[in-house]
PDB file of N, CA and C in Angstrom:
ATOM      1  N   MET A   1      99.254  99.975 109.041  1.00  0.00           N
ATOM      2  CA  MET A   1      99.074 101.308 109.597  1.00  0.00           C
ATOM      3  C   MET A   1      98.077 101.247 110.742  1.00  0.00           C
ATOM      4  N   ARG A   2      98.402 101.893 111.808  1.00  0.00           N
ATOM      5  CA  ARG A   2      97.548 101.907 112.985  1.00  0.00           C
ATOM      6  C   ARG A   2      96.470 102.978 112.845  1.00  0.00           C
ATOM      7  N   SER A   3      95.251 102.637 113.136  1.00  0.00           N
ATOM      8  CA  SER A   3      94.192 103.639 113.049  1.00  0.00           C
ATOM      9  C   SER A   3      94.172 104.469 114.331  1.00  0.00           C
ATOM     10  N   THR A   4      93.640 105.657 114.214  1.00  0.00           N
ATOM     11  CA  THR A   4      93.547 106.535 115.376  1.00  0.00           C
ATOM     12  C   THR A   4      92.140 106.456 115.955  1.00  0.00           C
ATOM     13  N   SER A   5      92.018 106.790 117.217  1.00  0.00           N
ATOM     14  CA  SER A   5      90.709 106.765 117.855  1.00  0.00           C
ATOM     15  C   SER A   5      89.911 107.998 117.450  1.00  0.00           C
ATOM     16  N   LYS A   6      88.628 107.954 117.711  1.00  0.00           N
ATOM     17  CA  LYS A   6      87.760 109.097 117.406  1.00  0.00           C
ATOM     18  C   LYS A   6      88.192 110.329 118.194  1.00  0.00           C
ATOM     19  N   VAL A   7      88.634 110.133 119.419  1.00  0.00           N
ATOM     20  CA  VAL A   7      89.085 111.260 120.238  1.00  0.00           C
ATOM     21  C   VAL A   7      90.341 111.874 119.629  1.00  0.00           C
ATOM     22  N   SER A   8      91.271 111.042 119.224  1.00  0.00           N
ATOM     23  CA  SER A   8      92.499 111.547 118.606  1.00  0.00           C
ATOM     24  C   SER A   8      92.199 112.286 117.306  1.00  0.00           C
ATOM     25  N   GLU A   9      91.266 111.761 116.528  1.00  0.00           N
ATOM     26  CA  GLU A   9      90.884 112.414 115.282  1.00  0.00           C
ATOM     27  C   GLU A   9      90.287 113.790 115.554  1.00  0.00           C
ATOM     28  N   LEU A  10      89.453 113.884 116.576  1.00  0.00           N
ATOM     29  CA  LEU A  10      88.839 115.163 116.916  1.00  0.00           C
ATOM     30  C   LEU A  10      89.883 116.154 117.428  1.00  0.00           C
ATOM     31  N   LEU A  11      90.805 115.686 118.264  1.00  0.00           N
ATOM     32  CA  LEU A  11      91.865 116.569 118.756  1.00  0.00           C
ATOM     33  C   LEU A  11      92.744 117.063 117.608  1.00  0.00           C
ATOM     34  N   ALA A  12      93.021 116.184 116.652  1.00  0.00           N
ATOM     35  CA  ALA A  12      93.802 116.589 115.481  1.00  0.00           C
ATOM     36  C   ALA A  12      93.035 117.609 114.657  1.00  0.00           C
ATOM     37  N   ALA A  13      91.724 117.450 114.539  1.00  0.00           N
ATOM     38  CA  ALA A  13      90.909 118.429 113.803  1.00  0.00           C
ATOM     39  C   ALA A  13      90.935 119.789 114.501  1.00  0.00           C
ATOM     40  N   LEU A  14      90.852 119.792 115.825  1.00  0.00           N
ATOM     41  CA  LEU A  14      90.932 121.054 116.567  1.00  0.00           C
ATOM     42  C   LEU A  14      92.295 121.708 116.365  1.00  0.00           C
ATOM     43  N   LEU A  15      93.334 120.917 116.357  1.00  0.00           N
ATOM     44  CA  LEU A  15      94.676 121.448 116.120  1.00  0.00           C
ATOM     45  C   LEU A  15      94.796 121.967 114.688  1.00  0.00           C
ATOM     46  N   PHE A  16      94.186 121.266 113.742  1.00  0.00           N
ATOM     47  CA  PHE A  16      94.212 121.658 112.339  1.00  0.00           C
ATOM     48  C   PHE A  16      93.609 123.050 112.142  1.00  0.00           C
ATOM     49  N   VAL A  17      92.479 123.308 112.779  1.00  0.00           N
ATOM     50  CA  VAL A  17      91.788 124.596 112.574  1.00  0.00           C
ATOM     51  C   VAL A  17      92.314 125.704 113.477  1.00  0.00           C
ATOM     52  N   SER A  18      93.351 125.426 114.227  1.00  0.00           N
ATOM     53  CA  SER A  18      93.912 126.451 115.118  1.00  0.00           C
ATOM     54  C   SER A  18      94.618 127.561 114.367  1.00  0.00           C
ATOM     55  N   HIS A  19      94.944 127.343 113.105  1.00  0.00           N
ATOM     56  CA  HIS A  19      95.647 128.313 112.249  1.00  0.00           C
ATOM     57  C   HIS A  19      97.053 128.618 112.731  1.00  0.00           C
ATOM     58  N   ALA A  20      97.553 127.841 113.665  1.00  0.00           N
ATOM     59  CA  ALA A  20      98.946 128.000 114.093  1.00  0.00           C
ATOM     60  C   ALA A  20      99.837 127.287 113.083  1.00  0.00           C
ATOM     61  N   PRO A  21     101.025 127.824 112.818  1.00  0.00           N
ATOM     62  CA  PRO A  21     101.921 127.116 111.902  1.00  0.00           C
ATOM     63  C   PRO A  21     102.357 125.777 112.501  1.00  0.00           C
ATOM     64  N   VAL A  22     102.606 124.822 111.639  1.00  0.00           N
ATOM     65  CA  VAL A  22     102.992 123.482 112.081  1.00  0.00           C
ATOM     66  C   VAL A  22     104.221 123.541 112.984  1.00  0.00           C
ATOM     67  N   ALA A  23     105.138 124.438 112.690  1.00  0.00           N
ATOM     68  CA  ALA A  23     106.358 124.558 113.494  1.00  0.00           C
ATOM     69  C   ALA A  23     106.042 124.923 114.946  1.00  0.00           C
ATOM     70  N   ALA A  24     104.891 125.532 115.196  1.00  0.00           N
ATOM     71  CA  ALA A  24     104.529 125.943 116.555  1.00  0.00           C
ATOM     72  C   ALA A  24     104.154 124.765 117.447  1.00  0.00           C
ATOM     73  N   PHE A  25     103.731 123.642 116.851  1.00  0.00           N
ATOM     74  CA  PHE A  25     103.291 122.512 117.677  1.00  0.00           C
ATOM     75  C   PHE A  25     103.936 121.176 117.312  1.00  0.00           C
ATOM     76  N   ALA A  26     104.649 121.112 116.218  1.00  0.00           N
ATOM     77  CA  ALA A  26     105.169 119.827 115.736  1.00  0.00           C
ATOM     78  C   ALA A  26     106.143 119.162 116.705  1.00  0.00           C
ATOM     79  N   THR A  27     106.945 119.934 117.394  1.00  0.00           N
ATOM     80  CA  THR A  27     107.954 119.342 118.277  1.00  0.00           C
ATOM     81  C   THR A  27     107.679 119.574 119.760  1.00  0.00           C
ATOM     82  N   ASP A  28     106.572 120.232 120.073  1.00  0.00           N
ATOM     83  CA  ASP A  28     106.275 120.554 121.466  1.00  0.00           C
ATOM     84  C   ASP A  28     104.872 120.066 121.837  1.00  0.00           C
ATOM     85  N   PRO A  29     104.766 118.904 122.487  1.00  0.00           N
ATOM     86  CA  PRO A  29     103.452 118.377 122.856  1.00  0.00           C
ATOM     87  C   PRO A  29     102.652 119.312 123.760  1.00  0.00           C
ATOM     88  N   ASP A  30     103.342 120.048 124.639  1.00  0.00           N
ATOM     89  CA  ASP A  30     102.630 120.982 125.514  1.00  0.00           C
ATOM     90  C   ASP A  30     101.998 122.118 124.714  1.00  0.00           C
ATOM     91  N   ALA A  31     102.711 122.603 123.703  1.00  0.00           N
ATOM     92  CA  ALA A  31     102.172 123.657 122.839  1.00  0.00           C
ATOM     93  C   ALA A  31     100.984 123.131 122.046  1.00  0.00           C
ATOM     94  N   ALA A  32     101.068 121.891 121.584  1.00  0.00           N
ATOM     95  CA  ALA A  32      99.960 121.288 120.841  1.00  0.00           C
ATOM     96  C   ALA A  32      98.722 121.187 121.724  1.00  0.00           C
ATOM     97  N   LEU A  33      98.897 120.719 122.949  1.00  0.00           N
ATOM     98  CA  LEU A  33      97.766 120.598 123.867  1.00  0.00           C
ATOM     99  C   LEU A  33      97.174 121.967 124.197  1.00  0.00           C
ATOM    100  N   ALA A  34      98.030 122.963 124.397  1.00  0.00           N
ATOM    101  CA  ALA A  34      97.549 124.320 124.669  1.00  0.00           C
ATOM    102  C   ALA A  34      96.753 124.866 123.488  1.00  0.00           C
ATOM    103  N   LEU A  35      97.215 124.613 122.266  1.00  0.00           N
ATOM    104  CA  LEU A  35      96.490 125.066 121.080  1.00  0.00           C
ATOM    105  C   LEU A  35      95.148 124.357 120.952  1.00  0.00           C
ATOM    106  N   ILE A  36      95.104 123.090 121.290  1.00  0.00           N
ATOM    107  CA  ILE A  36      93.840 122.349 121.241  1.00  0.00           C
ATOM    108  C   ILE A  36      92.837 122.954 122.216  1.00  0.00           C
ATOM    109  N   HIS A  37      93.282 123.224 123.439  1.00  0.00           N
ATOM    110  CA  HIS A  37      92.394 123.826 124.444  1.00  0.00           C
ATOM    111  C   HIS A  37      91.941 125.215 124.008  1.00  0.00           C
ATOM    112  N   LYS A  38      92.864 126.012 123.519  1.00  0.00           N
ATOM    113  CA  LYS A  38      92.547 127.374 123.097  1.00  0.00           C
ATOM    114  C   LYS A  38      91.538 127.372 121.949  1.00  0.00           C
ATOM    115  N   THR A  39      91.742 126.493 120.979  1.00  0.00           N
ATOM    116  CA  THR A  39      90.832 126.408 119.840  1.00  0.00           C
ATOM    117  C   THR A  39      89.457 125.920 120.273  1.00  0.00           C
ATOM    118  N   SER A  40      89.430 124.933 121.142  1.00  0.00           N
ATOM    119  CA  SER A  40      88.165 124.404 121.635  1.00  0.00           C
ATOM    120  C   SER A  40      87.366 125.486 122.361  1.00  0.00           C
ATOM    121  N   GLU A  41      88.034 126.255 123.191  1.00  0.00           N
ATOM    122  CA  GLU A  41      87.355 127.341 123.908  1.00  0.00           C
ATOM    123  C   GLU A  41      86.886 128.429 122.952  1.00  0.00           C
ATOM    124  N   ALA A  42      87.684 128.738 121.941  1.00  0.00           N
ATOM    125  CA  ALA A  42      87.325 129.787 120.985  1.00  0.00           C
ATOM    126  C   ALA A  42      86.119 129.384 120.130  1.00  0.00           C
ATOM    127  N   LEU A  43      86.007 128.098 119.809  1.00  0.00           N
ATOM    128  CA  LEU A  43      84.908 127.639 118.966  1.00  0.00           C
ATOM    129  C   LEU A  43      83.608 127.449 119.733  1.00  0.00           C
ATOM    130  N   GLY A  44      83.674 127.404 121.040  1.00  0.00           N
ATOM    131  CA  GLY A  44      82.467 127.346 121.853  1.00  0.00           C
ATOM    132  C   GLY A  44      81.897 125.947 122.037  1.00  0.00           C
ATOM    133  N   PRO A  45      80.611 125.892 122.408  1.00  0.00           N
ATOM    134  CA  PRO A  45      80.013 124.611 122.771  1.00  0.00           C
ATOM    135  C   PRO A  45      79.907 123.611 121.621  1.00  0.00           C
ATOM    136  N   PHE A  46      79.949 124.081 120.386  1.00  0.00           N
ATOM    137  CA  PHE A  46      79.880 123.181 119.235  1.00  0.00           C
ATOM    138  C   PHE A  46      81.237 123.096 118.549  1.00  0.00           C
ATOM    139  N   ALA A  47      82.300 123.099 119.353  1.00  0.00           N
ATOM    140  CA  ALA A  47      83.665 123.102 118.817  1.00  0.00           C
ATOM    141  C   ALA A  47      83.935 121.906 117.925  1.00  0.00           C
ATOM    142  N   ALA A  48      83.479 120.748 118.318  1.00  0.00           N
ATOM    143  CA  ALA A  48      83.753 119.533 117.532  1.00  0.00           C
ATOM    144  C   ALA A  48      83.118 119.639 116.150  1.00  0.00           C
ATOM    145  N   LYS A  49      81.842 119.988 116.118  1.00  0.00           N
ATOM    146  CA  LYS A  49      81.129 120.093 114.843  1.00  0.00           C
ATOM    147  C   LYS A  49      81.730 121.195 113.971  1.00  0.00           C
ATOM    148  N   THR A  50      82.068 122.326 114.570  1.00  0.00           N
ATOM    149  CA  THR A  50      82.652 123.440 113.830  1.00  0.00           C
ATOM    150  C   THR A  50      84.017 123.076 113.274  1.00  0.00           C
ATOM    151  N   ALA A  51      84.838 122.410 114.079  1.00  0.00           N
ATOM    152  CA  ALA A  51      86.182 122.022 113.635  1.00  0.00           C
ATOM    153  C   ALA A  51      86.107 121.022 112.492  1.00  0.00           C
ATOM    154  N   LEU A  52      85.210 120.058 112.590  1.00  0.00           N
ATOM    155  CA  LEU A  52      85.084 119.058 111.530  1.00  0.00           C
ATOM    156  C   LEU A  52      84.564 119.681 110.238  1.00  0.00           C
ATOM    157  N   ALA A  53      83.668 120.661 110.351  1.00  0.00           N
ATOM    158  CA  ALA A  53      83.167 121.357 109.157  1.00  0.00           C
ATOM    159  C   ALA A  53      84.284 122.170 108.503  1.00  0.00           C
ATOM    160  N   ALA A  54      85.086 122.858 109.305  1.00  0.00           N
ATOM    161  CA  ALA A  54      86.200 123.639 108.767  1.00  0.00           C
ATOM    162  C   ALA A  54      87.247 122.722 108.134  1.00  0.00           C
ATOM    163  N   LEU A  55      87.479 121.591 108.747  1.00  0.00           N
ATOM    164  CA  LEU A  55      88.419 120.613 108.211  1.00  0.00           C
ATOM    165  C   LEU A  55      87.943 120.106 106.848  1.00  0.00           C
ATOM    166  N   ALA A  56      86.663 119.776 106.745  1.00  0.00           N
ATOM    167  CA  ALA A  56      86.104 119.298 105.475  1.00  0.00           C
ATOM    168  C   ALA A  56      86.216 120.376 104.399  1.00  0.00           C
ATOM    169  N   TYR A  57      85.949 121.620 104.775  1.00  0.00           N
ATOM    170  CA  TYR A  57      86.068 122.717 103.807  1.00  0.00           C
ATOM    171  C   TYR A  57      87.499 122.840 103.289  1.00  0.00           C
ATOM    172  N   GLU A  58      88.466 122.809 104.198  1.00  0.00           N
ATOM    173  CA  GLU A  58      89.873 122.952 103.792  1.00  0.00           C
ATOM    174  C   GLU A  58      90.322 121.799 102.900  1.00  0.00           C
ATOM    175  N   TYR A  59      89.840 120.585 103.189  1.00  0.00           N
ATOM    176  CA  TYR A  59      90.185 119.446 102.337  1.00  0.00           C
ATOM    177  C   TYR A  59      89.592 119.619 100.940  1.00  0.00           C
ATOM    178  N   GLY A  60      88.407 120.213 100.853  1.00  0.00           N
ATOM    179  CA  GLY A  60      87.789 120.439  99.555  1.00  0.00           C
ATOM    180  C   GLY A  60      88.425 121.590  98.799  1.00  0.00           C
ATOM    181  N   ALA A  61      88.752 122.665  99.505  1.00  0.00           N
ATOM    182  CA  ALA A  61      89.277 123.869  98.864  1.00  0.00           C
ATOM    183  C   ALA A  61      90.781 123.793  98.603  1.00  0.00           C
ATOM    184  N   HIS A  62      91.517 123.216  99.516  1.00  0.00           N
ATOM    185  CA  HIS A  62      92.987 123.198  99.424  1.00  0.00           C
ATOM    186  C   HIS A  62      93.553 121.836  99.810  1.00  0.00           C
ATOM    187  N   PRO A  63      93.257 120.791  99.065  1.00  0.00           N
ATOM    188  CA  PRO A  63      93.740 119.455  99.454  1.00  0.00           C
ATOM    189  C   PRO A  63      95.257 119.334  99.453  1.00  0.00           C
ATOM    190  N   GLU A  64      95.917 120.116  98.615  1.00  0.00           N
ATOM    191  CA  GLU A  64      97.379 120.017  98.532  1.00  0.00           C
ATOM    192  C   GLU A  64      98.071 120.489  99.811  1.00  0.00           C
ATOM    193  N   THR A  65      97.441 121.372 100.569  1.00  0.00           N
ATOM    194  CA  THR A  65      98.031 121.812 101.830  1.00  0.00           C
ATOM    195  C   THR A  65      97.361 121.160 103.046  1.00  0.00           C
ATOM    196  N   ALA A  66      96.120 120.727 102.873  1.00  0.00           N
ATOM    197  CA  ALA A  66      95.389 120.136 103.997  1.00  0.00           C
ATOM    198  C   ALA A  66      95.962 118.781 104.405  1.00  0.00           C
ATOM    199  N   VAL A  67      96.344 117.979 103.432  1.00  0.00           N
ATOM    200  CA  VAL A  67      96.838 116.631 103.745  1.00  0.00           C
ATOM    201  C   VAL A  67      98.110 116.669 104.594  1.00  0.00           C
ATOM    202  N   PRO A  68      99.158 117.417 104.186  1.00  0.00           N
ATOM    203  CA  PRO A  68     100.350 117.425 105.042  1.00  0.00           C
ATOM    204  C   PRO A  68     100.107 118.076 106.407  1.00  0.00           C
ATOM    205  N   ARG A  69      99.228 119.079 106.450  1.00  0.00           N
ATOM    206  CA  ARG A  69      98.934 119.719 107.741  1.00  0.00           C
ATOM    207  C   ARG A  69      98.229 118.738 108.671  1.00  0.00           C
ATOM    208  N   MET A  70      97.264 117.983 108.136  1.00  0.00           N
ATOM    209  CA  MET A  70      96.546 117.022 108.975  1.00  0.00           C
ATOM    210  C   MET A  70      97.480 115.916 109.433  1.00  0.00           C
ATOM    211  N   GLN A  71      98.403 115.471 108.581  1.00  0.00           N
ATOM    212  CA  GLN A  71      99.371 114.458 108.992  1.00  0.00           C
ATOM    213  C   GLN A  71     100.221 114.976 110.156  1.00  0.00           C
ATOM    214  N   ALA A  72     100.632 116.240 110.079  1.00  0.00           N
ATOM    215  CA  ALA A  72     101.412 116.829 111.168  1.00  0.00           C
ATOM    216  C   ALA A  72     100.575 116.935 112.438  1.00  0.00           C
ATOM    217  N   CYS A  73      99.293 117.255 112.292  1.00  0.00           N
ATOM    218  CA  CYS A  73      98.411 117.362 113.456  1.00  0.00           C
ATOM    219  C   CYS A  73      98.214 116.007 114.124  1.00  0.00           C
ATOM    220  N   VAL A  74      98.026 114.952 113.326  1.00  0.00           N
ATOM    221  CA  VAL A  74      97.857 113.611 113.880  1.00  0.00           C
ATOM    222  C   VAL A  74      99.115 113.185 114.630  1.00  0.00           C
ATOM    223  N   GLU A  75     100.284 113.451 114.054  1.00  0.00           N
ATOM    224  CA  GLU A  75     101.539 113.103 114.723  1.00  0.00           C
ATOM    225  C   GLU A  75     101.709 113.893 116.023  1.00  0.00           C
ATOM    226  N   ALA A  76     101.323 115.163 116.010  1.00  0.00           N
ATOM    227  CA  ALA A  76     101.434 115.985 117.222  1.00  0.00           C
ATOM    228  C   ALA A  76     100.506 115.465 118.313  1.00  0.00           C
ATOM    229  N   VAL A  77      99.296 115.063 117.936  1.00  0.00           N
ATOM    230  CA  VAL A  77      98.340 114.534 118.922  1.00  0.00           C
ATOM    231  C   VAL A  77      98.852 113.215 119.498  1.00  0.00           C
ATOM    232  N   LYS A  78      99.479 112.391 118.672  1.00  0.00           N
ATOM    233  CA  LYS A  78     100.046 111.134 119.183  1.00  0.00           C
ATOM    234  C   LYS A  78     101.121 111.394 120.231  1.00  0.00           C
ATOM    235  N   ALA A  79     101.831 112.520 120.109  1.00  0.00           N
ATOM    236  CA  ALA A  79     102.907 112.837 121.045  1.00  0.00           C
ATOM    237  C   ALA A  79     102.392 113.440 122.355  1.00  0.00           C
ATOM    238  N   VAL A  80     101.155 113.922 122.336  1.00  0.00           N
ATOM    239  CA  VAL A  80     100.578 114.558 123.528  1.00  0.00           C
ATOM    240  C   VAL A  80     100.160 113.479 124.522  1.00  0.00           C
ATOM    241  N   ARG A  81     100.489 113.708 125.775  1.00  0.00           N
ATOM    242  CA  ARG A  81     100.058 112.785 126.827  1.00  0.00           C
ATOM    243  C   ARG A  81      98.722 113.283 127.357  1.00  0.00           C
ATOM    244  N   ILE A  82      97.700 112.500 127.104  1.00  0.00           N
ATOM    245  CA  ILE A  82      96.343 112.883 127.504  1.00  0.00           C
ATOM    246  C   ILE A  82      95.917 111.988 128.655  1.00  0.00           C
ATOM    247  N   GLU A  83      95.546 112.608 129.735  1.00  0.00           N
ATOM    248  CA  GLU A  83      95.095 111.861 130.904  1.00  0.00           C
ATOM    249  C   GLU A  83      93.606 112.101 131.097  1.00  0.00           C
ATOM    250  N   LEU A  84      92.856 111.043 131.013  1.00  0.00           N
ATOM    251  CA  LEU A  84      91.425 111.132 131.237  1.00  0.00           C
ATOM    252  C   LEU A  84      91.129 110.733 132.671  1.00  0.00           C
ATOM    253  N   PRO A  85      90.372 111.548 133.374  1.00  0.00           N
ATOM    254  CA  PRO A  85      90.063 111.206 134.760  1.00  0.00           C
ATOM    255  C   PRO A  85      89.141 109.995 134.830  1.00  0.00           C
ATOM    256  N   VAL A  86      89.493 109.083 135.697  1.00  0.00           N
ATOM    257  CA  VAL A  86      88.682 107.890 135.915  1.00  0.00           C
ATOM    258  C   VAL A  86      88.173 107.958 137.343  1.00  0.00           C
ATOM    259  N   PRO A  87      86.873 107.907 137.509  1.00  0.00           N
ATOM    260  CA  PRO A  87      86.344 108.000 138.872  1.00  0.00           C
ATOM    261  C   PRO A  87      86.743 106.790 139.712  1.00  0.00           C
ATOM    262  N   ALA A  88      86.907 107.037 140.979  1.00  0.00           N
ATOM    263  CA  ALA A  88      87.254 105.962 141.911  1.00  0.00           C
ATOM    264  C   ALA A  88      86.050 105.025 142.060  1.00  0.00           C
ATOM    265  N   PRO A  89      86.311 103.784 142.362  1.00  0.00           N
ATOM    266  CA  PRO A  89      85.188 102.848 142.547  1.00  0.00           C
ATOM    267  C   PRO A  89      84.337 103.285 143.746  1.00  0.00           C
ATOM    268  N   ARG A  90      83.060 103.110 143.594  1.00  0.00           N
ATOM    269  CA  ARG A  90      82.151 103.488 144.663  1.00  0.00           C
ATOM    270  C   ARG A  90      82.005 102.345 145.665  1.00  0.00           C
ATOM    271  N   GLN A  91      81.826 102.725 146.898  1.00  0.00           N
ATOM    272  CA  GLN A  91      81.609 101.705 147.930  1.00  0.00           C
ATOM    273  C   GLN A  91      80.148 101.695 148.312  1.00  0.00           C
ATOM    274  N   ALA A  92      79.674 100.498 148.546  1.00  0.00           N
ATOM    275  CA  ALA A  92      78.287 100.337 148.928  1.00  0.00           C
ATOM    276  C   ALA A  92      78.091 100.893 150.339  1.00  0.00           C
ATOM    277  N   VAL A  93      76.956 101.473 150.540  1.00  0.00           N
ATOM    278  CA  VAL A  93      76.627 102.025 151.857  1.00  0.00           C
ATOM    279  C   VAL A  93      75.595 101.097 152.499  1.00  0.00           C
ATOM    280  N   ALA A  94      75.935 100.602 153.668  1.00  0.00           N
ATOM    281  CA  ALA A  94      75.012  99.728 154.387  1.00  0.00           C
ATOM    282  C   ALA A  94      74.102 100.599 155.243  1.00  0.00           C
ATOM    283  N   ARG A  95      72.845 100.313 155.177  1.00  0.00           N
ATOM    284  CA  ARG A  95      71.888 101.090 155.983  1.00  0.00           C
ATOM    285  C   ARG A  95      71.183 100.213 156.952  1.00  0.00           C
TER     286      ARG A  95
END
């Protein structure tokens, strides 16, 4: 089994706490990415910490539904094409 990166895990957690039904994002990577952005903005500057706390609570309170939902979230995040900006190489300035 392939492990996921920390970024993918966090994105899946944000998708998990979005409260959207799995059918809303399972087959549409664009919808999944939009839900991740929307949830992140709604949770504010501590979105990561808040999402992980909510995820832990749901796993403790409702493990029978949390496990399949998180599996669907991880699969949806794997389908999303995420582009991280990479800065261009800097050129030395001769003085």
